[in-house]
Amino acid sequence: MARGGPAVQASIGPFIPSFPLVLFTTPHPPMLSIQRILFPTDFSDGARRAFPQAAHLADWHDAGLHILNVTGRHRHDHEETTANFPIATDTLTKWLRRPEKSVRGANWPDLEALPITQEQVESAEPAERILAYAEDEAIDLIVMGTHGRRGVDRMLFGSVTEEVVRKAPCPTLTVRADADVAPDQAVRRVLAPVDFSDASRSAVRHAKEIALTYGAEIDLLHVVEEPFYPPAYGLGETGFPTDKVIGSVEDELADLARSEVGYEHVMIEARTGEPSREILNYIDENEVDLTVIASHGRTGLDRMLIGSVAERVVRQSPTPVFVAKPDRAALVSSDAAEAASARD
């Protein structure tokens, strides 16, 4: 895809070449504090694609894996809801006993060794039930597919996922239904789009720890939106000082990379255009394996919104998206990040 505008790309320090890695095999102990992972499922292809990620994260972090099936009570299927419960139970059992059937070629952990909690509930509001479960069980990370079944149900579960991502009390990891991502696939490139807010700095800290866990490189990207000048201003296409702004942003990205990442596996890029479109273009152009993006805070209206840019990236990214939460919902604190940087 063509880029939306001028871009500057630079490496902070010498760039170490990629090499084949197995997911979660690393000499660096993970600093992410993950003790409980929630995997909501509707037994669709999207959920099946996301399940390996939840299982591997639970295995690597020695975390408890909570599997939650919320059956929606809708007028057209209310009478069938109870009858579907045994089928759901059978599906969960097959996933746990024969996980290799769920994702072709996946290198699965020993699920029998994982502390797994299963629960099935009825609710007319699946997203609210998932969110309540996350609060009640002090969940640290929610892993979900971004689409469910076909037709109306697919639209329903897609909206459920988006609502959970918006309102979740903890970070979320989303995987598209059509994503061909095995849990043992190497993650070599992690993208962190930044806007220099405190929330995006938190996302960069999460991206650093995830990249260290995977042995991956980090890309920091900032997209500058060009202002619209009415023709009456007489500025034409040269009215926006693109080169000057891009140069300034590049300097800020370099400072951010040094202060929040503090090691050499960093690529920075500044470009102009519409932010969500340029982030998606960057993912496609640079073979990004995982995107870590910031949400707003946890209180009031901010908790209800993660921003239109983040929502579009979650909805359209061809690769998994980790939505980081700031403040006390963060999986890595600023103090821990500063201590780690001091040791690097």
C-alpha atoms as a PDB file:
ATOM      1  CA  MET A   1       0.000   0.000   0.000  1.00  0.00           C
ATOM      2  CA  ALA A   2       1.161   3.525  -0.677  1.00  0.00           C
ATOM      3  CA  ARG A   3       2.107   5.679   2.257  1.00  0.00           C
ATOM      4  CA  GLY A   4      -0.083   8.629   3.093  1.00  0.00           C
ATOM      5  CA  GLY A   5       2.697  11.194   3.271  1.00  0.00           C
ATOM      6  CA  PRO A   6       6.367  11.902   3.899  1.00  0.00           C
ATOM      7  CA  ALA A   7       7.980   9.686   6.482  1.00  0.00           C
ATOM      8  CA  VAL A   8      11.219   9.572   8.372  1.00  0.00           C
ATOM      9  CA  GLN A   9      12.554   6.247   9.580  1.00  0.00           C
ATOM     10  CA  ALA A  10      15.548   5.840  11.806  1.00  0.00           C
ATOM     11  CA  SER A  11      17.144   3.281  14.062  1.00  0.00           C
ATOM     12  CA  ILE A  12      18.176   4.096  17.615  1.00  0.00           C
ATOM     13  CA  GLY A  13      21.598   2.507  17.839  1.00  0.00           C
ATOM     14  CA  PRO A  14      22.859  -0.368  15.677  1.00  0.00           C
ATOM     15  CA  PHE A  15      20.088  -2.575  14.324  1.00  0.00           C
ATOM     16  CA  ILE A  16      20.433  -6.226  15.321  1.00  0.00           C
ATOM     17  CA  PRO A  17      19.225  -8.615  12.575  1.00  0.00           C
ATOM     18  CA  SER A  18      16.170 -10.811  13.102  1.00  0.00           C
ATOM     19  CA  PHE A  19      16.634 -14.507  13.729  1.00  0.00           C
ATOM     20  CA  PRO A  20      14.136 -17.375  14.018  1.00  0.00           C
ATOM     21  CA  LEU A  21      12.560 -17.504  17.456  1.00  0.00           C
ATOM     22  CA  VAL A  22      10.021 -19.718  19.144  1.00  0.00           C
ATOM     23  CA  LEU A  23       7.315 -17.750  20.875  1.00  0.00           C
ATOM     24  CA  PHE A  24       7.924 -17.280  24.610  1.00  0.00           C
ATOM     25  CA  THR A  25      11.472 -18.713  24.459  1.00  0.00           C
ATOM     26  CA  THR A  26      13.708 -15.990  25.869  1.00  0.00           C
ATOM     27  CA  PRO A  27      16.491 -15.398  28.388  1.00  0.00           C
ATOM     28  CA  HIS A  28      14.604 -12.355  29.683  1.00  0.00           C
ATOM     29  CA  PRO A  29      12.122 -13.106  32.492  1.00  0.00           C
ATOM     30  CA  PRO A  30       8.807 -11.407  31.710  1.00  0.00           C
ATOM     31  CA  MET A  31       8.095  -8.307  33.786  1.00  0.00           C
ATOM     32  CA  LEU A  32       4.449  -8.251  32.761  1.00  0.00           C
ATOM     33  CA  SER A  33       2.368  -9.060  35.817  1.00  0.00           C
ATOM     34  CA  ILE A  34      -0.166 -11.595  34.493  1.00  0.00           C
ATOM     35  CA  GLN A  35      -1.729 -13.980  36.998  1.00  0.00           C
ATOM     36  CA  ARG A  36      -5.230 -14.494  35.591  1.00  0.00           C
ATOM     37  CA  ILE A  37      -6.228 -14.612  31.905  1.00  0.00           C
ATOM     38  CA  LEU A  38      -9.844 -14.575  30.730  1.00  0.00           C
ATOM     39  CA  PHE A  39     -10.803 -16.239  27.456  1.00  0.00           C
ATOM     40  CA  PRO A  40     -14.459 -15.524  26.557  1.00  0.00           C
ATOM     41  CA  THR A  41     -15.656 -17.864  23.815  1.00  0.00           C
ATOM     42  CA  ASP A  42     -18.620 -18.375  21.523  1.00  0.00           C
ATOM     43  CA  PHE A  43     -17.048 -21.538  19.996  1.00  0.00           C
ATOM     44  CA  SER A  44     -16.576 -19.802  16.645  1.00  0.00           C
ATOM     45  CA  ASP A  45     -13.562 -19.803  14.340  1.00  0.00           C
ATOM     46  CA  GLY A  46     -12.580 -16.439  15.787  1.00  0.00           C
ATOM     47  CA  ALA A  47     -12.568 -17.804  19.312  1.00  0.00           C
ATOM     48  CA  ARG A  48     -10.722 -20.916  18.171  1.00  0.00           C
ATOM     49  CA  ARG A  49      -8.013 -18.755  16.610  1.00  0.00           C
ATOM     50  CA  ALA A  50      -7.607 -16.753  19.808  1.00  0.00           C
ATOM     51  CA  PHE A  51      -7.542 -19.747  22.161  1.00  0.00           C
ATOM     52  CA  PRO A  52      -3.895 -20.768  21.427  1.00  0.00           C
ATOM     53  CA  GLN A  53      -2.719 -17.277  22.345  1.00  0.00           C
ATOM     54  CA  ALA A  54      -4.576 -17.417  25.651  1.00  0.00           C
ATOM     55  CA  ALA A  55      -3.212 -20.887  26.406  1.00  0.00           C
ATOM     56  CA  HIS A  56       0.394 -19.994  25.615  1.00  0.00           C
ATOM     57  CA  LEU A  57       0.286 -16.785  27.608  1.00  0.00           C
ATOM     58  CA  ALA A  58      -1.124 -18.679  30.576  1.00  0.00           C
ATOM     59  CA  ASP A  59       1.584 -21.317  30.209  1.00  0.00           C
ATOM     60  CA  TRP A  60       4.440 -18.804  29.927  1.00  0.00           C
ATOM     61  CA  HIS A  61       3.305 -16.613  32.815  1.00  0.00           C
ATOM     62  CA  ASP A  62       2.138 -19.487  35.054  1.00  0.00           C
ATOM     63  CA  ALA A  63      -1.244 -17.784  35.029  1.00  0.00           C
ATOM     64  CA  GLY A  64      -4.685 -19.177  35.664  1.00  0.00           C
ATOM     65  CA  LEU A  65      -6.778 -19.549  32.504  1.00  0.00           C
ATOM     66  CA  HIS A  66     -10.475 -18.697  32.866  1.00  0.00           C
ATOM     67  CA  ILE A  67     -12.696 -19.937  30.026  1.00  0.00           C
ATOM     68  CA  LEU A  68     -16.076 -18.225  29.964  1.00  0.00           C
ATOM     69  CA  ASN A  69     -18.969 -19.053  27.631  1.00  0.00           C
ATOM     70  CA  VAL A  70     -21.831 -16.554  27.710  1.00  0.00           C
ATOM     71  CA  THR A  71     -24.881 -17.763  25.795  1.00  0.00           C
ATOM     72  CA  GLY A  72     -27.043 -14.872  24.626  1.00  0.00           C
ATOM     73  CA  ARG A  73     -30.739 -14.934  25.502  1.00  0.00           C
ATOM     74  CA  HIS A  74     -32.407 -13.598  22.381  1.00  0.00           C
ATOM     75  CA  ARG A  75     -36.042 -13.961  21.439  1.00  0.00           C
ATOM     76  CA  HIS A  76     -35.285 -16.135  18.426  1.00  0.00           C
ATOM     77  CA  ASP A  77     -33.160 -18.685  20.305  1.00  0.00           C
ATOM     78  CA  HIS A  78     -34.251 -18.458  23.945  1.00  0.00           C
ATOM     79  CA  GLU A  79     -35.821 -21.929  23.901  1.00  0.00           C
ATOM     80  CA  GLU A  80     -32.608 -23.471  22.529  1.00  0.00           C
ATOM     81  CA  THR A  81     -30.233 -21.837  25.021  1.00  0.00           C
ATOM     82  CA  THR A  82     -30.437 -24.537  27.663  1.00  0.00           C
ATOM     83  CA  ALA A  83     -30.111 -27.286  25.067  1.00  0.00           C
ATOM     84  CA  ASN A  84     -26.884 -25.718  23.783  1.00  0.00           C
ATOM     85  CA  PHE A  85     -25.107 -26.006  27.141  1.00  0.00           C
ATOM     86  CA  PRO A  86     -24.082 -29.696  26.770  1.00  0.00           C
ATOM     87  CA  ILE A  87     -22.718 -28.986  23.281  1.00  0.00           C
ATOM     88  CA  ALA A  88     -20.652 -26.111  24.657  1.00  0.00           C
ATOM     89  CA  THR A  89     -19.295 -28.322  27.428  1.00  0.00           C
ATOM     90  CA  ASP A  90     -18.311 -31.000  24.900  1.00  0.00           C
ATOM     91  CA  THR A  91     -16.494 -28.428  22.775  1.00  0.00           C
ATOM     92  CA  LEU A  92     -14.494 -27.134  25.732  1.00  0.00           C
ATOM     93  CA  THR A  93     -13.560 -30.671  26.677  1.00  0.00           C
ATOM     94  CA  LYS A  94     -12.295 -31.380  23.148  1.00  0.00           C
ATOM     95  CA  TRP A  95     -10.269 -28.172  23.131  1.00  0.00           C
ATOM     96  CA  LEU A  96      -8.595 -29.126  26.393  1.00  0.00           C
ATOM     97  CA  ARG A  97      -7.987 -32.779  25.552  1.00  0.00           C
ATOM     98  CA  ARG A  98      -7.112 -32.449  21.880  1.00  0.00           C
ATOM     99  CA  PRO A  99      -5.932 -28.879  21.365  1.00  0.00           C
ATOM    100  CA  GLU A 100      -3.807 -29.796  18.365  1.00  0.00           C
ATOM    101  CA  LYS A 101      -7.045 -30.078  16.393  1.00  0.00           C
ATOM    102  CA  SER A 102      -7.881 -26.432  17.036  1.00  0.00           C
ATOM    103  CA  VAL A 103      -5.017 -24.780  15.155  1.00  0.00           C
ATOM    104  CA  ARG A 104      -3.118 -26.633  12.470  1.00  0.00           C
ATOM    105  CA  GLY A 105       0.565 -27.009  13.202  1.00  0.00           C
ATOM    106  CA  ALA A 106       0.404 -25.304  16.584  1.00  0.00           C
ATOM    107  CA  ASN A 107       2.953 -26.197  19.236  1.00  0.00           C
ATOM    108  CA  TRP A 108       0.693 -26.465  22.260  1.00  0.00           C
ATOM    109  CA  PRO A 109       1.616 -26.277  25.933  1.00  0.00           C
ATOM    110  CA  ASP A 110       0.562 -28.993  28.326  1.00  0.00           C
ATOM    111  CA  LEU A 111      -2.924 -27.717  29.046  1.00  0.00           C
ATOM    112  CA  GLU A 112      -3.528 -30.382  31.661  1.00  0.00           C
ATOM    113  CA  ALA A 113      -0.844 -28.691  33.762  1.00  0.00           C
ATOM    114  CA  LEU A 114      -2.568 -25.302  33.578  1.00  0.00           C
ATOM    115  CA  PRO A 115      -4.931 -24.135  36.322  1.00  0.00           C
ATOM    116  CA  ILE A 116      -8.106 -23.817  34.240  1.00  0.00           C
ATOM    117  CA  THR A 117     -11.478 -22.510  35.386  1.00  0.00           C
ATOM    118  CA  GLN A 118     -14.529 -23.056  33.161  1.00  0.00           C
ATOM    119  CA  GLU A 119     -17.847 -21.298  33.499  1.00  0.00           C
ATOM    120  CA  GLN A 120     -20.967 -21.066  31.341  1.00  0.00           C
ATOM    121  CA  VAL A 121     -23.692 -18.523  31.974  1.00  0.00           C
ATOM    122  CA  GLU A 122     -26.795 -17.171  30.282  1.00  0.00           C
ATOM    123  CA  SER A 123     -27.061 -13.441  29.726  1.00  0.00           C
ATOM    124  CA  ALA A 124     -28.942 -11.111  27.422  1.00  0.00           C
ATOM    125  CA  GLU A 125     -25.915  -8.789  27.640  1.00  0.00           C
ATOM    126  CA  PRO A 126     -22.811 -10.915  26.893  1.00  0.00           C
ATOM    127  CA  ALA A 127     -20.353  -8.023  27.027  1.00  0.00           C
ATOM    128  CA  GLU A 128     -21.605  -6.828  30.400  1.00  0.00           C
ATOM    129  CA  ARG A 129     -21.364 -10.365  31.787  1.00  0.00           C
ATOM    130  CA  ILE A 130     -17.800 -10.735  30.513  1.00  0.00           C
ATOM    131  CA  LEU A 131     -16.840  -7.383  32.026  1.00  0.00           C
ATOM    132  CA  ALA A 132     -18.455  -8.271  35.354  1.00  0.00           C
ATOM    133  CA  TYR A 133     -16.546 -11.568  35.413  1.00  0.00           C
ATOM    134  CA  ALA A 134     -13.282  -9.735  34.715  1.00  0.00           C
ATOM    135  CA  GLU A 135     -13.949  -7.386  37.633  1.00  0.00           C
ATOM    136  CA  ASP A 136     -15.081 -10.103  40.040  1.00  0.00           C
ATOM    137  CA  GLU A 137     -12.130 -12.404  39.298  1.00  0.00           C
ATOM    138  CA  ALA A 138      -9.492  -9.627  39.134  1.00  0.00           C
ATOM    139  CA  ILE A 139      -8.539 -10.647  35.591  1.00  0.00           C
ATOM    140  CA  ASP A 140      -5.231  -9.233  34.319  1.00  0.00           C
ATOM    141  CA  LEU A 141      -5.681  -9.856  30.576  1.00  0.00           C
ATOM    142  CA  ILE A 142      -8.641 -10.693  28.321  1.00  0.00           C
ATOM    143  CA  VAL A 143      -7.941 -12.614  25.089  1.00  0.00           C
ATOM    144  CA  MET A 144     -10.729 -12.611  22.471  1.00  0.00           C
ATOM    145  CA  GLY A 145     -11.470 -13.200  18.808  1.00  0.00           C
ATOM    146  CA  THR A 146     -12.744 -10.126  16.977  1.00  0.00           C
ATOM    147  CA  HIS A 147     -15.543 -11.894  15.115  1.00  0.00           C
ATOM    148  CA  GLY A 148     -17.891 -14.722  15.959  1.00  0.00           C
ATOM    149  CA  ARG A 149     -20.237 -16.795  13.853  1.00  0.00           C
ATOM    150  CA  ARG A 150     -21.523 -15.803  10.430  1.00  0.00           C
ATOM    151  CA  GLY A 151     -24.476 -13.564   9.747  1.00  0.00           C
ATOM    152  CA  VAL A 152     -26.281 -11.876  12.622  1.00  0.00           C
ATOM    153  CA  ASP A 153     -24.318 -13.774  15.281  1.00  0.00           C
ATOM    154  CA  ARG A 154     -21.028 -12.703  13.716  1.00  0.00           C
ATOM    155  CA  MET A 155     -22.104  -9.071  13.903  1.00  0.00           C
ATOM    156  CA  LEU A 156     -23.258  -9.642  17.478  1.00  0.00           C
ATOM    157  CA  PHE A 157     -20.021 -11.136  18.744  1.00  0.00           C
ATOM    158  CA  GLY A 158     -18.001  -8.551  16.853  1.00  0.00           C
ATOM    159  CA  SER A 159     -19.861  -5.851  18.754  1.00  0.00           C
ATOM    160  CA  VAL A 160     -19.418  -7.794  22.001  1.00  0.00           C
ATOM    161  CA  THR A 161     -15.655  -7.849  21.507  1.00  0.00           C
ATOM    162  CA  GLU A 162     -15.554  -4.139  20.738  1.00  0.00           C
ATOM    163  CA  GLU A 163     -17.587  -3.326  23.840  1.00  0.00           C
ATOM    164  CA  VAL A 164     -15.314  -5.479  25.997  1.00  0.00           C
ATOM    165  CA  VAL A 165     -12.213  -3.793  24.570  1.00  0.00           C
ATOM    166  CA  ARG A 166     -13.732  -0.356  25.222  1.00  0.00           C
ATOM    167  CA  LYS A 167     -14.812  -0.999  28.802  1.00  0.00           C
ATOM    168  CA  ALA A 168     -12.410  -3.684  30.035  1.00  0.00           C
ATOM    169  CA  PRO A 169     -10.812  -3.059  33.450  1.00  0.00           C
ATOM    170  CA  CYS A 170      -7.591  -4.634  32.133  1.00  0.00           C
ATOM    171  CA  PRO A 171      -5.615  -4.917  28.879  1.00  0.00           C
ATOM    172  CA  THR A 172      -7.040  -6.969  26.021  1.00  0.00           C
ATOM    173  CA  LEU A 173      -5.500  -9.034  23.224  1.00  0.00           C
ATOM    174  CA  THR A 174      -7.659  -9.469  20.121  1.00  0.00           C
ATOM    175  CA  VAL A 175      -7.169 -11.928  17.255  1.00  0.00           C
ATOM    176  CA  ARG A 176      -9.116 -11.760  13.997  1.00  0.00           C
ATOM    177  CA  ALA A 177     -11.193 -14.749  12.943  1.00  0.00           C
ATOM    178  CA  ASP A 178      -9.344 -14.977   9.624  1.00  0.00           C
ATOM    179  CA  ALA A 179      -5.884 -14.603  11.159  1.00  0.00           C
ATOM    180  CA  ASP A 180      -3.509 -17.473  10.430  1.00  0.00           C
ATOM    181  CA  VAL A 181      -1.510 -17.120  13.641  1.00  0.00           C
ATOM    182  CA  ALA A 182      -0.213 -20.220  15.393  1.00  0.00           C
ATOM    183  CA  PRO A 183       0.899 -19.840  19.020  1.00  0.00           C
ATOM    184  CA  ASP A 184       4.431 -20.958  18.185  1.00  0.00           C
ATOM    185  CA  GLN A 185       4.790 -18.461  15.329  1.00  0.00           C
ATOM    186  CA  ALA A 186       7.790 -16.212  15.847  1.00  0.00           C
ATOM    187  CA  VAL A 187       6.993 -12.620  16.788  1.00  0.00           C
ATOM    188  CA  ARG A 188       9.814 -10.551  15.370  1.00  0.00           C
ATOM    189  CA  ARG A 189       8.255  -7.110  15.147  1.00  0.00           C
ATOM    190  CA  VAL A 190       6.100  -5.236  17.658  1.00  0.00           C
ATOM    191  CA  LEU A 191       4.547  -1.901  16.681  1.00  0.00           C
ATOM    192  CA  ALA A 192       3.657   0.792  19.218  1.00  0.00           C
ATOM    193  CA  PRO A 193       1.802   3.770  17.711  1.00  0.00           C
ATOM    194  CA  VAL A 194       2.324   6.790  19.964  1.00  0.00           C
ATOM    195  CA  ASP A 195       0.823  10.254  20.370  1.00  0.00           C
ATOM    196  CA  PHE A 196       3.169  11.250  23.250  1.00  0.00           C
ATOM    197  CA  SER A 197       0.374  11.095  25.822  1.00  0.00           C
ATOM    198  CA  ASP A 198       0.852   9.361  29.175  1.00  0.00           C
ATOM    199  CA  ALA A 199      -1.381   6.552  27.894  1.00  0.00           C
ATOM    200  CA  SER A 200       0.810   5.948  24.861  1.00  0.00           C
ATOM    201  CA  ARG A 201       3.925   5.974  27.053  1.00  0.00           C
ATOM    202  CA  SER A 202       2.311   3.186  29.048  1.00  0.00           C
ATOM    203  CA  ALA A 203       1.715   1.332  25.773  1.00  0.00           C
ATOM    204  CA  VAL A 204       5.401   1.713  24.881  1.00  0.00           C
ATOM    205  CA  ARG A 205       6.386   0.198  28.247  1.00  0.00           C
ATOM    206  CA  HIS A 206       4.077  -2.749  27.560  1.00  0.00           C
ATOM    207  CA  ALA A 207       5.503  -3.071  24.048  1.00  0.00           C
ATOM    208  CA  LYS A 208       9.028  -3.180  25.452  1.00  0.00           C
ATOM    209  CA  GLU A 209       8.240  -6.031  27.838  1.00  0.00           C
ATOM    210  CA  ILE A 210       6.344  -7.950  25.170  1.00  0.00           C
ATOM    211  CA  ALA A 211       9.221  -7.484  22.724  1.00  0.00           C
ATOM    212  CA  LEU A 212      11.757  -8.649  25.311  1.00  0.00           C
ATOM    213  CA  THR A 213       9.600 -11.690  25.989  1.00  0.00           C
ATOM    214  CA  TYR A 214       9.522 -12.564  22.286  1.00  0.00           C
ATOM    215  CA  GLY A 215      13.055 -11.425  21.464  1.00  0.00           C
ATOM    216  CA  ALA A 216      11.468  -8.996  18.987  1.00  0.00           C
ATOM    217  CA  GLU A 217      12.225  -5.583  17.561  1.00  0.00           C
ATOM    218  CA  ILE A 218      10.101  -2.540  18.457  1.00  0.00           C
ATOM    219  CA  ASP A 219       8.806   0.038  16.002  1.00  0.00           C
ATOM    220  CA  LEU A 220       7.565   3.396  17.305  1.00  0.00           C
ATOM    221  CA  LEU A 221       5.234   5.232  14.926  1.00  0.00           C
ATOM    222  CA  HIS A 222       3.684   8.691  15.115  1.00  0.00           C
ATOM    223  CA  VAL A 223       1.261   9.969  12.496  1.00  0.00           C
ATOM    224  CA  VAL A 224       0.883  13.722  12.048  1.00  0.00           C
ATOM    225  CA  GLU A 225      -2.512  14.816  10.802  1.00  0.00           C
ATOM    226  CA  GLU A 226      -2.180  17.648   8.317  1.00  0.00           C
ATOM    227  CA  PRO A 227      -4.592  20.500   9.062  1.00  0.00           C
ATOM    228  CA  PHE A 228      -7.083  21.480   6.396  1.00  0.00           C
ATOM    229  CA  TYR A 229      -6.611  24.975   5.034  1.00  0.00           C
ATOM    230  CA  PRO A 230      -9.596  26.451   3.157  1.00  0.00           C
ATOM    231  CA  PRO A 231      -8.727  27.767  -0.329  1.00  0.00           C
ATOM    232  CA  ALA A 232      -9.357  31.311   0.919  1.00  0.00           C
ATOM    233  CA  TYR A 233      -6.184  31.049   3.009  1.00  0.00           C
ATOM    234  CA  GLY A 234      -4.162  30.914  -0.211  1.00  0.00           C
ATOM    235  CA  LEU A 235      -1.642  28.485   1.282  1.00  0.00           C
ATOM    236  CA  GLY A 236      -2.054  25.726  -1.299  1.00  0.00           C
ATOM    237  CA  GLU A 237      -0.283  22.418  -0.807  1.00  0.00           C
ATOM    238  CA  THR A 238       2.801  24.067   0.716  1.00  0.00           C
ATOM    239  CA  GLY A 239       0.966  25.645   3.645  1.00  0.00           C
ATOM    240  CA  PHE A 240       1.852  22.861   6.094  1.00  0.00           C
ATOM    241  CA  PRO A 241       5.554  22.761   7.087  1.00  0.00           C
ATOM    242  CA  THR A 242       5.824  18.987   6.634  1.00  0.00           C
ATOM    243  CA  ASP A 243       9.609  18.596   6.761  1.00  0.00           C
ATOM    244  CA  LYS A 244       9.972  20.758   9.867  1.00  0.00           C
ATOM    245  CA  VAL A 245       7.166  18.993  11.726  1.00  0.00           C
ATOM    246  CA  ILE A 246       8.375  15.513  10.757  1.00  0.00           C
ATOM    247  CA  GLY A 247      11.894  16.375  11.905  1.00  0.00           C
ATOM    248  CA  SER A 248      10.616  17.598  15.260  1.00  0.00           C
ATOM    249  CA  VAL A 249       8.475  14.492  15.726  1.00  0.00           C
ATOM    250  CA  GLU A 250      11.432  12.271  14.872  1.00  0.00           C
ATOM    251  CA  ASP A 251      13.437  13.929  17.651  1.00  0.00           C
ATOM    252  CA  GLU A 252      10.583  13.354  20.115  1.00  0.00           C
ATOM    253  CA  LEU A 253      10.329   9.706  19.074  1.00  0.00           C
ATOM    254  CA  ALA A 254      14.060   9.258  19.599  1.00  0.00           C
ATOM    255  CA  ASP A 255      13.800  10.754  23.095  1.00  0.00           C
ATOM    256  CA  LEU A 256      10.830   8.498  23.859  1.00  0.00           C
ATOM    257  CA  ALA A 257      12.714   5.444  22.647  1.00  0.00           C
ATOM    258  CA  ARG A 258      15.678   6.245  24.874  1.00  0.00           C
ATOM    259  CA  SER A 259      13.617   7.054  27.974  1.00  0.00           C
ATOM    260  CA  GLU A 260      10.985   4.304  27.805  1.00  0.00           C
ATOM    261  CA  VAL A 261      12.722   1.504  25.903  1.00  0.00           C
ATOM    262  CA  GLY A 262      16.388   2.080  26.587  1.00  0.00           C
ATOM    263  CA  TYR A 263      17.842  -0.562  24.295  1.00  0.00           C
ATOM    264  CA  GLU A 264      18.869  -0.843  20.681  1.00  0.00           C
ATOM    265  CA  HIS A 265      16.023  -2.828  19.108  1.00  0.00           C
ATOM    266  CA  VAL A 266      14.039   0.280  18.161  1.00  0.00           C
ATOM    267  CA  MET A 267      12.951   1.664  14.813  1.00  0.00           C
ATOM    268  CA  ILE A 268      11.193   5.026  14.707  1.00  0.00           C
ATOM    269  CA  GLU A 269       9.055   6.528  11.979  1.00  0.00           C
ATOM    270  CA  ALA A 270       7.072   9.722  11.585  1.00  0.00           C
ATOM    271  CA  ARG A 271       4.632  10.157   8.726  1.00  0.00           C
ATOM    272  CA  THR A 272       1.673  12.308   7.791  1.00  0.00           C
ATOM    273  CA  GLY A 273      -1.867  11.200   7.073  1.00  0.00           C
ATOM    274  CA  GLU A 274      -4.976   9.884   8.798  1.00  0.00           C
ATOM    275  CA  PRO A 275      -3.697   8.032  11.906  1.00  0.00           C
ATOM    276  CA  SER A 276      -5.677   4.782  11.808  1.00  0.00           C
ATOM    277  CA  ARG A 277      -5.181   4.352   8.063  1.00  0.00           C
ATOM    278  CA  GLU A 278      -1.439   4.981   8.325  1.00  0.00           C
ATOM    279  CA  ILE A 279      -1.077   2.594  11.269  1.00  0.00           C
ATOM    280  CA  LEU A 280      -2.811  -0.133   9.252  1.00  0.00           C
ATOM    281  CA  ASN A 281      -0.645   0.696   6.231  1.00  0.00           C
ATOM    282  CA  TYR A 282       2.467   0.428   8.388  1.00  0.00           C
ATOM    283  CA  ILE A 283       1.381  -2.971   9.718  1.00  0.00           C
ATOM    284  CA  ASP A 284       0.938  -4.209   6.156  1.00  0.00           C
ATOM    285  CA  GLU A 285       4.108  -2.650   4.735  1.00  0.00           C
ATOM    286  CA  ASN A 286       6.453  -3.790   7.507  1.00  0.00           C
ATOM    287  CA  GLU A 287       5.129  -7.261   8.377  1.00  0.00           C
ATOM    288  CA  VAL A 288       4.270  -6.290  11.927  1.00  0.00           C
ATOM    289  CA  ASP A 289       3.394  -9.339  14.048  1.00  0.00           C
ATOM    290  CA  LEU A 290       1.762  -7.581  17.010  1.00  0.00           C
ATOM    291  CA  THR A 291       0.505  -4.049  17.629  1.00  0.00           C
ATOM    292  CA  VAL A 292       0.417  -2.533  21.114  1.00  0.00           C
ATOM    293  CA  ILE A 293      -1.871   0.486  21.272  1.00  0.00           C
ATOM    294  CA  ALA A 294      -3.051   2.672  24.137  1.00  0.00           C
ATOM    295  CA  SER A 295      -6.532   3.182  25.475  1.00  0.00           C
ATOM    296  CA  HIS A 296      -7.756   6.032  27.628  1.00  0.00           C
ATOM    297  CA  GLY A 297      -8.076   5.826  31.404  1.00  0.00           C
ATOM    298  CA  ARG A 298     -10.373   3.757  33.600  1.00  0.00           C
ATOM    299  CA  THR A 299     -12.830   6.275  35.002  1.00  0.00           C
ATOM    300  CA  GLY A 300     -15.861   8.129  33.728  1.00  0.00           C
ATOM    301  CA  LEU A 301     -16.269   8.683  30.004  1.00  0.00           C
ATOM    302  CA  ASP A 302     -12.623   7.826  29.319  1.00  0.00           C
ATOM    303  CA  ARG A 303     -13.239   4.271  30.466  1.00  0.00           C
ATOM    304  CA  MET A 304     -16.006   3.944  27.859  1.00  0.00           C
ATOM    305  CA  LEU A 305     -13.770   5.019  24.992  1.00  0.00           C
ATOM    306  CA  ILE A 306     -10.463   3.783  23.643  1.00  0.00           C
ATOM    307  CA  GLY A 307     -10.469   6.294  20.830  1.00  0.00           C
ATOM    308  CA  SER A 308     -11.592   5.996  17.221  1.00  0.00           C
ATOM    309  CA  VAL A 309      -8.039   5.307  16.043  1.00  0.00           C
ATOM    310  CA  ALA A 310      -7.521   2.377  18.400  1.00  0.00           C
ATOM    311  CA  GLU A 311     -10.978   0.974  17.665  1.00  0.00           C
ATOM    312  CA  ARG A 312     -10.377   0.972  13.927  1.00  0.00           C
ATOM    313  CA  VAL A 313      -6.990  -0.694  14.378  1.00  0.00           C
ATOM    314  CA  VAL A 314      -8.534  -3.392  16.592  1.00  0.00           C
ATOM    315  CA  ARG A 315     -11.304  -3.939  14.052  1.00  0.00           C
ATOM    316  CA  GLN A 316      -9.165  -4.033  10.899  1.00  0.00           C
ATOM    317  CA  SER A 317      -5.660  -5.142  11.858  1.00  0.00           C
ATOM    318  CA  PRO A 318      -4.690  -8.422  10.158  1.00  0.00           C
ATOM    319  CA  THR A 319      -2.501  -9.325  13.137  1.00  0.00           C
ATOM    320  CA  PRO A 320      -3.197  -9.456  16.904  1.00  0.00           C
ATOM    321  CA  VAL A 321      -3.665  -6.184  18.779  1.00  0.00           C
ATOM    322  CA  PHE A 322      -2.799  -5.651  22.446  1.00  0.00           C
ATOM    323  CA  VAL A 323      -4.749  -2.726  23.941  1.00  0.00           C
ATOM    324  CA  ALA A 324      -2.825  -1.429  26.948  1.00  0.00           C
ATOM    325  CA  LYS A 325      -4.524   0.249  29.893  1.00  0.00           C
ATOM    326  CA  PRO A 326      -2.789   2.986  31.884  1.00  0.00           C
ATOM    327  CA  ASP A 327      -2.691   3.591  35.617  1.00  0.00           C
ATOM    328  CA  ARG A 328      -3.492   0.720  37.950  1.00  0.00           C
ATOM    329  CA  ALA A 329      -4.754  -1.501  35.119  1.00  0.00           C
ATOM    330  CA  ALA A 330      -1.277  -1.519  33.550  1.00  0.00           C
ATOM    331  CA  LEU A 331       0.629  -4.803  33.518  1.00  0.00           C
ATOM    332  CA  VAL A 332       3.957  -3.022  33.913  1.00  0.00           C
ATOM    333  CA  SER A 333       4.396   0.051  36.095  1.00  0.00           C
ATOM    334  CA  SER A 334       6.438   3.115  35.248  1.00  0.00           C
ATOM    335  CA  ASP A 335       8.580   2.447  38.334  1.00  0.00           C
ATOM    336  CA  ALA A 336       9.351  -1.095  37.173  1.00  0.00           C
ATOM    337  CA  ALA A 337      10.151   0.160  33.690  1.00  0.00           C
ATOM    338  CA  GLU A 338      12.541   2.791  35.058  1.00  0.00           C
ATOM    339  CA  ALA A 339      14.276   0.201  37.222  1.00  0.00           C
ATOM    340  CA  ALA A 340      14.661  -2.135  34.251  1.00  0.00           C
ATOM    341  CA  SER A 341      16.025   0.651  32.050  1.00  0.00           C
ATOM    342  CA  ALA A 342      18.582   1.505  34.725  1.00  0.00           C
ATOM    343  CA  ARG A 343      19.812  -2.104  34.614  1.00  0.00           C
ATOM    344  CA  ASP A 344      20.039  -2.214  30.793  1.00  0.00           C
END
